[in-house]
C-alpha atoms as a PDB file:
ATOM      1  CA  MET A   1     114.680 167.127  51.257  1.00  0.00           C
ATOM      2  CA  ARG A   2     116.648 164.239  52.715  1.00  0.00           C
ATOM      3  CA  THR A   3     119.205 163.779  49.955  1.00  0.00           C
ATOM      4  CA  ALA A   4     122.929 163.130  49.742  1.00  0.00           C
ATOM      5  CA  THR A   5     125.649 162.853  47.110  1.00  0.00           C
ATOM      6  CA  ILE A   6     128.840 160.897  47.703  1.00  0.00           C
ATOM      7  CA  GLU A   7     131.903 160.454  45.488  1.00  0.00           C
ATOM      8  CA  ARG A   8     134.422 157.755  46.322  1.00  0.00           C
ATOM      9  CA  ASN A   9     137.519 157.580  44.146  1.00  0.00           C
ATOM     10  CA  THR A  10     140.347 155.152  44.819  1.00  0.00           C
ATOM     11  CA  LYS A  11     142.954 153.356  42.727  1.00  0.00           C
ATOM     12  CA  GLU A  12     140.472 150.464  42.533  1.00  0.00           C
ATOM     13  CA  THR A  13     137.062 152.094  42.100  1.00  0.00           C
ATOM     14  CA  GLN A  14     135.398 155.318  40.973  1.00  0.00           C
ATOM     15  CA  ILE A  15     131.908 155.700  42.431  1.00  0.00           C
ATOM     16  CA  SER A  16     129.425 158.559  42.416  1.00  0.00           C
ATOM     17  CA  LEU A  17     125.983 158.174  44.013  1.00  0.00           C
ATOM     18  CA  THR A  18     123.076 160.498  44.754  1.00  0.00           C
ATOM     19  CA  LEU A  19     120.348 159.265  47.105  1.00  0.00           C
ATOM     20  CA  ASN A  20     116.888 160.615  47.898  1.00  0.00           C
ATOM     21  CA  LEU A  21     115.379 158.884  50.920  1.00  0.00           C
ATOM     22  CA  ASP A  22     111.909 160.182  50.070  1.00  0.00           C
ATOM     23  CA  GLY A  23     111.820 159.141  46.443  1.00  0.00           C
ATOM     24  CA  THR A  24     109.569 157.040  44.248  1.00  0.00           C
ATOM     25  CA  GLY A  25     111.800 154.003  43.720  1.00  0.00           C
ATOM     26  CA  VAL A  26     113.769 155.118  40.658  1.00  0.00           C
ATOM     27  CA  CYS A  27     117.241 153.597  40.162  1.00  0.00           C
ATOM     28  CA  SER A  28     119.388 155.054  37.386  1.00  0.00           C
ATOM     29  CA  VAL A  29     122.866 153.833  38.228  1.00  0.00           C
ATOM     30  CA  GLU A  30     125.362 153.055  35.452  1.00  0.00           C
ATOM     31  CA  ASN A  31     126.760 149.718  36.544  1.00  0.00           C
ATOM     32  CA  PRO A  32     128.817 147.074  34.689  1.00  0.00           C
ATOM     33  CA  ILE A  33     127.586 144.050  36.713  1.00  0.00           C
ATOM     34  CA  GLY A  34     124.190 142.863  35.505  1.00  0.00           C
ATOM     35  CA  PHE A  35     122.898 140.963  38.531  1.00  0.00           C
ATOM     36  CA  PHE A  36     124.173 143.662  40.895  1.00  0.00           C
ATOM     37  CA  GLY A  37     122.181 146.211  38.917  1.00  0.00           C
ATOM     38  CA  HIS A  38     119.115 144.019  39.317  1.00  0.00           C
ATOM     39  CA  MET A  39     119.637 144.029  43.097  1.00  0.00           C
ATOM     40  CA  LEU A  40     120.067 147.816  43.275  1.00  0.00           C
ATOM     41  CA  ASN A  41     116.908 148.256  41.205  1.00  0.00           C
ATOM     42  CA  SER A  42     114.998 145.960  43.569  1.00  0.00           C
ATOM     43  CA  PHE A  43     116.374 147.810  46.600  1.00  0.00           C
ATOM     44  CA  CYS A  44     115.199 151.165  45.263  1.00  0.00           C
ATOM     45  CA  LYS A  45     111.832 149.913  44.049  1.00  0.00           C
ATOM     46  CA  HIS A  46     110.874 148.290  47.354  1.00  0.00           C
ATOM     47  CA  GLY A  47     112.397 150.961  49.590  1.00  0.00           C
ATOM     48  CA  LEU A  48     111.036 153.860  47.514  1.00  0.00           C
ATOM     49  CA  PHE A  49     114.538 155.324  47.364  1.00  0.00           C
ATOM     50  CA  ASP A  50     115.774 157.258  44.342  1.00  0.00           C
ATOM     51  CA  LEU A  51     119.374 156.433  43.465  1.00  0.00           C
ATOM     52  CA  SER A  52     121.484 157.684  40.569  1.00  0.00           C
ATOM     53  CA  GLY A  53     125.162 157.693  39.663  1.00  0.00           C
ATOM     54  CA  THR A  54     127.974 155.686  38.109  1.00  0.00           C
ATOM     55  CA  LEU A  55     129.984 152.673  39.246  1.00  0.00           C
ATOM     56  CA  LYS A  56     133.395 151.859  37.764  1.00  0.00           C
ATOM     57  CA  GLY A  57     136.074 149.549  39.040  1.00  0.00           C
ATOM     58  CA  ASP A  58     138.890 147.084  38.395  1.00  0.00           C
ATOM     59  CA  LEU A  59     136.719 144.158  37.274  1.00  0.00           C
ATOM     60  CA  GLU A  60     139.779 142.626  35.630  1.00  0.00           C
ATOM     61  CA  VAL A  61     140.900 141.878  39.199  1.00  0.00           C
ATOM     62  CA  ASP A  62     137.654 140.886  40.917  1.00  0.00           C
ATOM     63  CA  GLN A  63     134.094 142.103  41.532  1.00  0.00           C
ATOM     64  CA  HIS A  64     134.794 142.453  45.248  1.00  0.00           C
ATOM     65  CA  HIS A  65     136.301 145.958  45.155  1.00  0.00           C
ATOM     66  CA  LEU A  66     133.446 147.548  43.218  1.00  0.00           C
ATOM     67  CA  ILE A  67     130.627 145.815  45.076  1.00  0.00           C
ATOM     68  CA  GLU A  68     132.038 146.443  48.564  1.00  0.00           C
ATOM     69  CA  ASP A  69     132.915 150.061  47.750  1.00  0.00           C
ATOM     70  CA  THR A  70     129.401 150.619  46.414  1.00  0.00           C
ATOM     71  CA  GLY A  71     128.066 149.413  49.760  1.00  0.00           C
ATOM     72  CA  ILE A  72     130.424 151.827  51.527  1.00  0.00           C
ATOM     73  CA  ALA A  73     129.318 154.738  49.318  1.00  0.00           C
ATOM     74  CA  LEU A  74     125.622 153.906  49.694  1.00  0.00           C
ATOM     75  CA  GLY A  75     126.011 153.701  53.472  1.00  0.00           C
ATOM     76  CA  LEU A  76     127.668 157.122  53.458  1.00  0.00           C
ATOM     77  CA  CYS A  77     124.700 158.461  51.486  1.00  0.00           C
ATOM     78  CA  PHE A  78     122.285 157.172  54.110  1.00  0.00           C
ATOM     79  CA  ALA A  79     124.354 158.575  56.981  1.00  0.00           C
ATOM     80  CA  LYS A  80     124.607 161.994  55.320  1.00  0.00           C
ATOM     81  CA  ALA A  81     120.913 162.117  54.376  1.00  0.00           C
ATOM     82  CA  LEU A  82     119.816 161.074  57.884  1.00  0.00           C
ATOM     83  CA  GLY A  83     122.075 163.499  59.730  1.00  0.00           C
ATOM     84  CA  ASN A  84     121.483 163.141  63.483  1.00  0.00           C
ATOM     85  CA  CYS A  85     118.517 160.796  62.829  1.00  0.00           C
ATOM     86  CA  ALA A  86     116.078 163.162  64.519  1.00  0.00           C
ATOM     87  CA  GLY A  87     112.455 162.221  64.020  1.00  0.00           C
ATOM     88  CA  ILE A  88     112.885 158.817  62.378  1.00  0.00           C
ATOM     89  CA  PHE A  89     111.526 155.477  63.544  1.00  0.00           C
ATOM     90  CA  ARG A  90     115.158 154.235  63.701  1.00  0.00           C
ATOM     91  CA  SER A  91     114.439 150.473  63.436  1.00  0.00           C
ATOM     92  CA  GLY A  92     112.532 148.256  61.055  1.00  0.00           C
ATOM     93  CA  SER A  93     112.086 144.642  60.033  1.00  0.00           C
ATOM     94  CA  CYS A  94     110.579 142.621  57.218  1.00  0.00           C
ATOM     95  CA  LEU A  95     109.694 139.025  56.437  1.00  0.00           C
ATOM     96  CA  TYR A  96     109.756 138.637  52.654  1.00  0.00           C
ATOM     97  CA  PRO A  97     108.801 135.573  50.564  1.00  0.00           C
ATOM     98  CA  MET A  98     110.528 135.101  47.212  1.00  0.00           C
ATOM     99  CA  ASP A  99     108.994 132.020  45.612  1.00  0.00           C
ATOM    100  CA  GLU A 100     110.487 129.048  47.484  1.00  0.00           C
ATOM    101  CA  SER A 101     112.720 131.314  49.593  1.00  0.00           C
ATOM    102  CA  LEU A 102     111.711 133.068  52.792  1.00  0.00           C
ATOM    103  CA  CYS A 103     113.921 135.939  53.922  1.00  0.00           C
ATOM    104  CA  ARG A 104     114.026 138.012  57.085  1.00  0.00           C
ATOM    105  CA  THR A 105     115.805 141.284  57.830  1.00  0.00           C
ATOM    106  CA  ALA A 106     115.975 143.636  60.785  1.00  0.00           C
ATOM    107  CA  VAL A 107     117.818 146.960  61.005  1.00  0.00           C
ATOM    108  CA  ASP A 108     118.567 149.606  63.640  1.00  0.00           C
ATOM    109  CA  PHE A 109     120.125 152.971  62.791  1.00  0.00           C
ATOM    110  CA  GLY A 110     121.477 153.258  66.300  1.00  0.00           C
ATOM    111  CA  GLY A 111     125.002 154.378  65.442  1.00  0.00           C
ATOM    112  CA  ARG A 112     126.713 151.031  66.050  1.00  0.00           C
ATOM    113  CA  PRO A 113     127.743 149.149  62.887  1.00  0.00           C
ATOM    114  CA  PHE A 114     127.235 145.397  62.962  1.00  0.00           C
ATOM    115  CA  LEU A 115     126.277 142.836  60.339  1.00  0.00           C
ATOM    116  CA  VAL A 116     124.874 139.363  60.841  1.00  0.00           C
ATOM    117  CA  CYS A 117     124.515 137.650  57.475  1.00  0.00           C
ATOM    118  CA  ASN A 118     123.097 134.144  57.240  1.00  0.00           C
ATOM    119  CA  ALA A 119     122.174 134.205  53.553  1.00  0.00           C
ATOM    120  CA  GLU A 120     122.796 130.455  53.138  1.00  0.00           C
ATOM    121  CA  LEU A 121     124.313 130.934  49.668  1.00  0.00           C
ATOM    122  CA  THR A 122     126.129 128.151  47.836  1.00  0.00           C
ATOM    123  CA  GLY A 123     129.051 130.373  46.806  1.00  0.00           C
ATOM    124  CA  ILE A 124     128.626 129.297  43.176  1.00  0.00           C
ATOM    125  CA  PRO A 125     128.650 132.331  40.808  1.00  0.00           C
ATOM    126  CA  LEU A 126     125.448 133.123  38.925  1.00  0.00           C
ATOM    127  CA  VAL A 127     126.085 132.877  35.188  1.00  0.00           C
ATOM    128  CA  SER A 128     124.362 135.096  32.613  1.00  0.00           C
ATOM    129  CA  ILE A 129     124.973 136.648  29.212  1.00  0.00           C
ATOM    130  CA  GLY A 130     126.373 140.184  29.223  1.00  0.00           C
ATOM    131  CA  GLN A 131     125.389 143.033  26.898  1.00  0.00           C
ATOM    132  CA  ASN A 132     128.336 142.155  24.673  1.00  0.00           C
ATOM    133  CA  GLY A 133     126.907 138.672  24.156  1.00  0.00           C
ATOM    134  CA  LYS A 134     129.649 137.058  26.232  1.00  0.00           C
ATOM    135  CA  GLU A 135     129.236 135.032  29.377  1.00  0.00           C
ATOM    136  CA  ALA A 136     129.056 137.112  32.560  1.00  0.00           C
ATOM    137  CA  SER A 137     128.734 136.164  36.195  1.00  0.00           C
ATOM    138  CA  PHE A 138     128.012 137.503  39.658  1.00  0.00           C
ATOM    139  CA  GLN A 139     130.265 136.440  42.519  1.00  0.00           C
ATOM    140  CA  THR A 140     127.788 135.423  45.182  1.00  0.00           C
ATOM    141  CA  ASP A 141     130.429 135.749  47.914  1.00  0.00           C
ATOM    142  CA  CYS A 142     130.339 139.528  47.249  1.00  0.00           C
ATOM    143  CA  PHE A 143     126.757 139.715  48.540  1.00  0.00           C
ATOM    144  CA  GLU A 144     127.941 139.853  52.146  1.00  0.00           C
ATOM    145  CA  ASP A 145     130.789 142.223  51.189  1.00  0.00           C
ATOM    146  CA  PHE A 146     128.231 144.767  49.945  1.00  0.00           C
ATOM    147  CA  TRP A 147     126.229 144.740  53.154  1.00  0.00           C
ATOM    148  CA  GLN A 148     129.355 144.795  55.318  1.00  0.00           C
ATOM    149  CA  GLY A 149     130.438 147.939  53.512  1.00  0.00           C
ATOM    150  CA  PHE A 150     126.968 149.427  53.921  1.00  0.00           C
ATOM    151  CA  VAL A 151     126.645 148.951  57.681  1.00  0.00           C
ATOM    152  CA  SER A 152     130.186 150.215  58.317  1.00  0.00           C
ATOM    153  CA  THR A 153     129.351 153.686  56.995  1.00  0.00           C
ATOM    154  CA  ALA A 154     125.565 153.880  57.503  1.00  0.00           C
ATOM    155  CA  ARG A 155     126.315 153.179  61.185  1.00  0.00           C
ATOM    156  CA  CYS A 156     123.493 150.699  61.545  1.00  0.00           C
ATOM    157  CA  ASN A 157     123.242 147.103  62.613  1.00  0.00           C
ATOM    158  CA  LEU A 158     121.632 144.771  60.119  1.00  0.00           C
ATOM    159  CA  HIS A 159     120.553 141.148  60.340  1.00  0.00           C
ATOM    160  CA  LEU A 160     119.997 139.197  57.111  1.00  0.00           C
ATOM    161  CA  ASP A 161     118.622 135.665  57.343  1.00  0.00           C
ATOM    162  CA  THR A 162     117.446 133.169  54.749  1.00  0.00           C
ATOM    163  CA  LEU A 163     114.968 131.009  56.631  1.00  0.00           C
ATOM    164  CA  ARG A 164     114.602 128.585  53.730  1.00  0.00           C
ATOM    165  CA  GLY A 165     115.210 128.490  50.008  1.00  0.00           C
ATOM    166  CA  ARG A 166     116.834 126.721  47.059  1.00  0.00           C
ATOM    167  CA  SER A 167     117.814 129.343  44.470  1.00  0.00           C
ATOM    168  CA  ASP A 168     120.714 131.687  45.271  1.00  0.00           C
ATOM    169  CA  HIS A 169     119.072 134.239  42.968  1.00  0.00           C
ATOM    170  CA  HIS A 170     115.865 134.144  45.005  1.00  0.00           C
ATOM    171  CA  LYS A 171     117.701 134.227  48.339  1.00  0.00           C
ATOM    172  CA  MET A 172     119.714 137.312  47.431  1.00  0.00           C
ATOM    173  CA  GLU A 173     116.824 139.111  45.768  1.00  0.00           C
ATOM    174  CA  GLY A 174     114.522 138.310  48.671  1.00  0.00           C
ATOM    175  CA  LEU A 175     117.082 139.663  51.139  1.00  0.00           C
ATOM    176  CA  PHE A 176     117.628 142.846  49.117  1.00  0.00           C
ATOM    177  CA  LYS A 177     113.868 143.435  48.999  1.00  0.00           C
ATOM    178  CA  ALA A 178     113.440 142.637  52.679  1.00  0.00           C
ATOM    179  CA  ALA A 179     116.337 144.936  53.569  1.00  0.00           C
ATOM    180  CA  ALA A 180     114.802 147.714  51.482  1.00  0.00           C
ATOM    181  CA  ARG A 181     111.459 147.392  53.255  1.00  0.00           C
ATOM    182  CA  ALA A 182     113.078 147.255  56.704  1.00  0.00           C
ATOM    183  CA  ILE A 183     115.341 150.227  55.981  1.00  0.00           C
ATOM    184  CA  ARG A 184     112.429 152.181  54.514  1.00  0.00           C
ATOM    185  CA  ASP A 185     110.463 151.672  57.738  1.00  0.00           C
ATOM    186  CA  ALA A 186     113.477 152.634  59.856  1.00  0.00           C
ATOM    187  CA  VAL A 187     114.224 155.909  58.074  1.00  0.00           C
ATOM    188  CA  GLU A 188     110.585 157.045  57.764  1.00  0.00           C
ATOM    189  CA  ILE A 189     109.628 160.152  59.738  1.00  0.00           C
ATOM    190  CA  ASP A 190     107.600 159.303  62.854  1.00  0.00           C
ATOM    191  CA  ILE A 191     105.191 162.211  63.271  1.00  0.00           C
ATOM    192  CA  ARG A 192     104.549 161.262  66.918  1.00  0.00           C
ATOM    193  CA  ARG A 193     108.251 161.709  67.692  1.00  0.00           C
ATOM    194  CA  ASN A 194     107.929 165.392  66.787  1.00  0.00           C
ATOM    195  CA  GLY A 195     111.510 165.756  65.544  1.00  0.00           C
ATOM    196  CA  THR A 196     113.228 164.359  68.614  1.00  0.00           C
ATOM    197  CA  ILE A 197     116.166 161.950  68.469  1.00  0.00           C
ATOM    198  CA  PRO A 198     115.044 158.316  68.891  1.00  0.00           C
ATOM    199  CA  SER A 199     117.375 157.386  71.728  1.00  0.00           C
ATOM    200  CA  THR A 200     117.251 157.571  75.529  1.00  0.00           C
ATOM    201  CA  LYS A 201     120.817 158.927  75.297  1.00  0.00           C
ATOM    202  CA  GLY A 202     119.568 161.976  73.425  1.00  0.00           C
ATOM    203  CA  ILE A 203     122.091 161.289  70.684  1.00  0.00           C
ATOM    204  CA  ILE A 204     122.733 158.571  68.096  1.00  0.00           C
ATOM    205  CA  CYS A 205     126.373 157.562  68.451  1.00  0.00           C
END
């Protein structure tokens, strides 16, 4: 099975994640940020990845540390589960509509980290009501931080583009779903490749 468990403990965050690339789309991650949990659920559901674990961090400072470090830990899970990338398709893309928003992603697990993020977000936090009945929010500027952390350790290049849209919620959710579909296609086993490494170099580096 293509699975991986990663623990990342720093003075700012304590993160434990277990990933199954060949799952059924189940996300059971304990997470204190409501909208971020919604995005992780969408990512798993549309990528058919199983993800479990706990996320804790210094939210009294900022959401940035926890969200970026979660991206780093998730990227490490993908890198560990994929190993030398033998037999996979390696690249994938998706055009995903989310109501008035249209989102496009493309990914290549070619060993060279790079992120292009044109999410076209307003930067205004999304406001909601937390489980304690008090006002909560999601810092939309952390969206790019998550994906930057992810590509740095998953060793992939990822392009995220909002082609059009009005709602920041729809733009981010559409991009998470599109990324999940693109990544799912990229990490799927290509039976025609017969277990070989998908690179003319003979190695993913």
